Amino acid sequence: METFPGRLTLAFGAGCLGGLVNSVVVWFLGDAGIPERLGVQLAPAFTLAWLYPRIVWGGIWAVLLLLPLAARSHILRGLLVSLAPSAATLLWLMPEAGKGLFGLQTGWLTPAFVMVYNAVWGIAAGFWFALASGQTRRL
């Protein structure tokens, strides 16, 4: 799909898939108690009310995959784009939720978990975007 609407649709779909992969990883690690063992309070319940907005926002953030960043690798592009939702979470969403700047009230390693979780989203979204657009040579 070389048209803009086609690429936009692929990016959104790739971001939704990335949001699903990210959510499964966040839930699985939280359920296994990994964040808690490291002093981080990030262990959500796997519910539709928690999952649905994560998938939709994953698709919305993935529109950034259309930017001409890291043109040789969609996975690297996904990693770079994952910095945007990480920054939004750490600098805006966490403080708004009363968890402090960078979410430090939920644990001093919270920024690392947020960045790793969003990197998972970026890798999955970038990979699927490349695969769905037939550009696997640029993974």
C-alpha atoms as a PDB file:
ATOM      1  CA  MET A   1       0.000   0.000   0.000  1.00  0.00           C
ATOM      2  CA  GLU A   2       1.752   3.064  -1.236  1.00  0.00           C
ATOM      3  CA  THR A   3      -1.100   5.502  -0.724  1.00  0.00           C
ATOM      4  CA  PHE A   4      -1.163   7.603   2.419  1.00  0.00           C
ATOM      5  CA  PRO A   5      -4.522   6.224   3.607  1.00  0.00           C
ATOM      6  CA  GLY A   6      -3.200   2.704   3.062  1.00  0.00           C
ATOM      7  CA  ARG A   7      -0.005   3.363   5.012  1.00  0.00           C
ATOM      8  CA  LEU A   8      -1.997   5.127   7.745  1.00  0.00           C
ATOM      9  CA  THR A   9      -4.278   2.102   8.046  1.00  0.00           C
ATOM     10  CA  LEU A  10      -1.299  -0.255   8.225  1.00  0.00           C
ATOM     11  CA  ALA A  11       0.364   1.885  10.877  1.00  0.00           C
ATOM     12  CA  PHE A  12      -2.791   1.991  12.990  1.00  0.00           C
ATOM     13  CA  GLY A  13      -3.272  -1.769  12.700  1.00  0.00           C
ATOM     14  CA  ALA A  14       0.381  -2.411  13.527  1.00  0.00           C
ATOM     15  CA  GLY A  15       0.090  -0.179  16.578  1.00  0.00           C
ATOM     16  CA  CYS A  16      -3.046  -1.994  17.739  1.00  0.00           C
ATOM     17  CA  LEU A  17      -1.235  -5.312  17.465  1.00  0.00           C
ATOM     18  CA  GLY A  18       1.721  -3.772  19.301  1.00  0.00           C
ATOM     19  CA  GLY A  19      -0.692  -2.589  21.991  1.00  0.00           C
ATOM     20  CA  LEU A  20      -2.007  -6.112  22.391  1.00  0.00           C
ATOM     21  CA  VAL A  21       1.506  -7.617  22.585  1.00  0.00           C
ATOM     22  CA  ASN A  22       2.569  -4.904  25.037  1.00  0.00           C
ATOM     23  CA  SER A  23      -0.493  -5.504  27.205  1.00  0.00           C
ATOM     24  CA  VAL A  24       0.097  -9.243  27.374  1.00  0.00           C
ATOM     25  CA  VAL A  25       3.726  -8.651  28.390  1.00  0.00           C
ATOM     26  CA  VAL A  26       2.765  -6.036  31.011  1.00  0.00           C
ATOM     27  CA  TRP A  27       0.091  -8.306  32.456  1.00  0.00           C
ATOM     28  CA  PHE A  28       2.225 -11.473  32.359  1.00  0.00           C
ATOM     29  CA  LEU A  29       5.208  -9.886  34.081  1.00  0.00           C
ATOM     30  CA  GLY A  30       2.921  -8.195  36.613  1.00  0.00           C
ATOM     31  CA  ASP A  31       1.087 -11.453  37.292  1.00  0.00           C
ATOM     32  CA  ALA A  32       4.444 -13.221  37.732  1.00  0.00           C
ATOM     33  CA  GLY A  33       5.393 -10.568  40.302  1.00  0.00           C
ATOM     34  CA  ILE A  34       8.513  -9.357  38.470  1.00  0.00           C
ATOM     35  CA  PRO A  35       7.871  -5.601  38.907  1.00  0.00           C
ATOM     36  CA  GLU A  36       6.864  -6.100  42.544  1.00  0.00           C
ATOM     37  CA  ARG A  37      10.092  -7.991  43.296  1.00  0.00           C
ATOM     38  CA  LEU A  38      11.971  -4.983  41.968  1.00  0.00           C
ATOM     39  CA  GLY A  39       9.947  -2.516  44.027  1.00  0.00           C
ATOM     40  CA  VAL A  40       7.638  -1.362  41.204  1.00  0.00           C
ATOM     41  CA  GLN A  41       3.865  -1.325  41.617  1.00  0.00           C
ATOM     42  CA  LEU A  42       2.797  -2.145  38.059  1.00  0.00           C
ATOM     43  CA  ALA A  43       0.649  -5.282  38.060  1.00  0.00           C
ATOM     44  CA  PRO A  44      -2.664  -4.594  36.301  1.00  0.00           C
ATOM     45  CA  ALA A  45      -5.601  -6.963  36.118  1.00  0.00           C
ATOM     46  CA  PHE A  46      -6.204  -8.296  32.610  1.00  0.00           C
ATOM     47  CA  THR A  47      -9.672  -6.882  31.928  1.00  0.00           C
ATOM     48  CA  LEU A  48     -11.316  -5.535  28.793  1.00  0.00           C
ATOM     49  CA  ALA A  49     -11.605  -2.101  30.452  1.00  0.00           C
ATOM     50  CA  TRP A  50      -7.816  -2.085  30.870  1.00  0.00           C
ATOM     51  CA  LEU A  51      -7.002  -3.717  27.520  1.00  0.00           C
ATOM     52  CA  TYR A  52      -9.231  -1.820  25.084  1.00  0.00           C
ATOM     53  CA  PRO A  53      -7.777   1.704  25.532  1.00  0.00           C
ATOM     54  CA  ARG A  54      -4.233   0.281  25.406  1.00  0.00           C
ATOM     55  CA  ILE A  55      -4.937  -1.276  22.000  1.00  0.00           C
ATOM     56  CA  VAL A  56      -6.586   1.866  20.629  1.00  0.00           C
ATOM     57  CA  TRP A  57      -3.841   4.175  21.931  1.00  0.00           C
ATOM     58  CA  GLY A  58      -1.248   1.771  20.531  1.00  0.00           C
ATOM     59  CA  GLY A  59      -2.826   2.322  17.117  1.00  0.00           C
ATOM     60  CA  ILE A  60      -2.959   6.088  17.546  1.00  0.00           C
ATOM     61  CA  TRP A  61       0.693   6.335  18.651  1.00  0.00           C
ATOM     62  CA  ALA A  62       1.715   4.149  15.706  1.00  0.00           C
ATOM     63  CA  VAL A  63       0.829   6.930  13.275  1.00  0.00           C
ATOM     64  CA  LEU A  64       4.323   8.148  14.195  1.00  0.00           C
ATOM     65  CA  LEU A  65       5.676   5.134  12.284  1.00  0.00           C
ATOM     66  CA  LEU A  66       4.942   7.141   9.145  1.00  0.00           C
ATOM     67  CA  LEU A  67       7.662   9.653  10.044  1.00  0.00           C
ATOM     68  CA  PRO A  68      10.870   9.240   8.050  1.00  0.00           C
ATOM     69  CA  LEU A  69      12.930   7.973  10.987  1.00  0.00           C
ATOM     70  CA  ALA A  70      15.479   5.162  10.711  1.00  0.00           C
ATOM     71  CA  ALA A  71      14.521   4.485   7.107  1.00  0.00           C
ATOM     72  CA  ARG A  72      16.610   1.305   6.960  1.00  0.00           C
ATOM     73  CA  SER A  73      14.852  -0.539   9.787  1.00  0.00           C
ATOM     74  CA  HIS A  74      11.199  -0.603  10.795  1.00  0.00           C
ATOM     75  CA  ILE A  75      12.092  -2.216  14.108  1.00  0.00           C
ATOM     76  CA  LEU A  76      14.531   0.597  14.913  1.00  0.00           C
ATOM     77  CA  ARG A  77      11.854   3.070  13.832  1.00  0.00           C
ATOM     78  CA  GLY A  78       9.431   1.369  16.234  1.00  0.00           C
ATOM     79  CA  LEU A  79      11.958   1.662  19.052  1.00  0.00           C
ATOM     80  CA  LEU A  80      12.496   5.354  18.338  1.00  0.00           C
ATOM     81  CA  VAL A  81       8.750   5.991  18.123  1.00  0.00           C
ATOM     82  CA  SER A  82       8.257   4.150  21.443  1.00  0.00           C
ATOM     83  CA  LEU A  83      10.029   7.049  23.142  1.00  0.00           C
ATOM     84  CA  ALA A  84       6.969   9.267  22.508  1.00  0.00           C
ATOM     85  CA  PRO A  85       4.437   7.229  24.512  1.00  0.00           C
ATOM     86  CA  SER A  86       7.114   6.634  27.168  1.00  0.00           C
ATOM     87  CA  ALA A  87       7.616  10.379  27.546  1.00  0.00           C
ATOM     88  CA  ALA A  88       3.851  10.996  27.633  1.00  0.00           C
ATOM     89  CA  THR A  89       3.395   8.333  30.301  1.00  0.00           C
ATOM     90  CA  LEU A  90       6.280   9.442  32.491  1.00  0.00           C
ATOM     91  CA  LEU A  91       5.882  13.207  32.143  1.00  0.00           C
ATOM     92  CA  TRP A  92       2.118  13.588  31.881  1.00  0.00           C
ATOM     93  CA  LEU A  93       0.024  10.497  32.675  1.00  0.00           C
ATOM     94  CA  MET A  94       1.870   9.389  35.808  1.00  0.00           C
ATOM     95  CA  PRO A  95       1.861  12.868  37.397  1.00  0.00           C
ATOM     96  CA  GLU A  96      -1.837  13.312  36.463  1.00  0.00           C
ATOM     97  CA  ALA A  97      -2.625   9.979  38.136  1.00  0.00           C
ATOM     98  CA  GLY A  98      -0.926  11.146  41.331  1.00  0.00           C
ATOM     99  CA  LYS A  99       2.035   8.800  40.885  1.00  0.00           C
ATOM    100  CA  GLY A 100       4.594  11.590  40.680  1.00  0.00           C
ATOM    101  CA  LEU A 101       6.926  12.728  37.936  1.00  0.00           C
ATOM    102  CA  PHE A 102       8.259   9.661  36.076  1.00  0.00           C
ATOM    103  CA  GLY A 103       5.894   7.550  38.209  1.00  0.00           C
ATOM    104  CA  LEU A 104       8.500   7.388  40.934  1.00  0.00           C
ATOM    105  CA  GLN A 105       5.844   7.007  43.631  1.00  0.00           C
ATOM    106  CA  THR A 106       5.222   3.514  42.236  1.00  0.00           C
ATOM    107  CA  GLY A 107       8.903   2.592  42.451  1.00  0.00           C
ATOM    108  CA  TRP A 108      12.220   4.060  41.389  1.00  0.00           C
ATOM    109  CA  LEU A 109      12.542   1.537  38.528  1.00  0.00           C
ATOM    110  CA  THR A 110       9.165   2.545  37.076  1.00  0.00           C
ATOM    111  CA  PRO A 111      10.726   4.620  34.259  1.00  0.00           C
ATOM    112  CA  ALA A 112      12.778   1.586  33.167  1.00  0.00           C
ATOM    113  CA  PHE A 113       9.690  -0.643  33.127  1.00  0.00           C
ATOM    114  CA  VAL A 114       7.697   1.945  31.169  1.00  0.00           C
ATOM    115  CA  MET A 115      10.493   2.284  28.608  1.00  0.00           C
ATOM    116  CA  VAL A 116      10.933  -1.489  28.240  1.00  0.00           C
ATOM    117  CA  TYR A 117       7.191  -2.070  27.956  1.00  0.00           C
ATOM    118  CA  ASN A 118       6.892   0.623  25.298  1.00  0.00           C
ATOM    119  CA  ALA A 119       9.929  -0.792  23.497  1.00  0.00           C
ATOM    120  CA  VAL A 120       8.021  -4.089  23.263  1.00  0.00           C
ATOM    121  CA  TRP A 121       5.147  -2.157  21.692  1.00  0.00           C
ATOM    122  CA  GLY A 122       7.516  -0.388  19.272  1.00  0.00           C
ATOM    123  CA  ILE A 123       9.255  -3.590  18.177  1.00  0.00           C
ATOM    124  CA  ALA A 124       5.948  -5.420  17.638  1.00  0.00           C
ATOM    125  CA  ALA A 125       4.392  -2.465  15.791  1.00  0.00           C
ATOM    126  CA  GLY A 126       7.481  -1.871  13.643  1.00  0.00           C
ATOM    127  CA  PHE A 127       7.773  -5.555  12.802  1.00  0.00           C
ATOM    128  CA  TRP A 128       4.107  -5.865  11.847  1.00  0.00           C
ATOM    129  CA  PHE A 129       4.203  -2.611   9.855  1.00  0.00           C
ATOM    130  CA  ALA A 130       7.148  -3.947   7.828  1.00  0.00           C
ATOM    131  CA  LEU A 131       5.535  -7.349   7.367  1.00  0.00           C
ATOM    132  CA  ALA A 132       2.111  -5.987   6.399  1.00  0.00           C
ATOM    133  CA  SER A 133       3.569  -3.454   3.967  1.00  0.00           C
ATOM    134  CA  GLY A 134       5.744  -6.097   2.294  1.00  0.00           C
ATOM    135  CA  GLN A 135       8.978  -4.441   3.378  1.00  0.00           C
ATOM    136  CA  THR A 136      10.510  -7.331   5.314  1.00  0.00           C
ATOM    137  CA  ARG A 137      13.940  -6.551   3.847  1.00  0.00           C
ATOM    138  CA  ARG A 138      13.859  -3.445   6.065  1.00  0.00           C
ATOM    139  CA  LEU A 139      13.137  -5.166   9.371  1.00  0.00           C
END
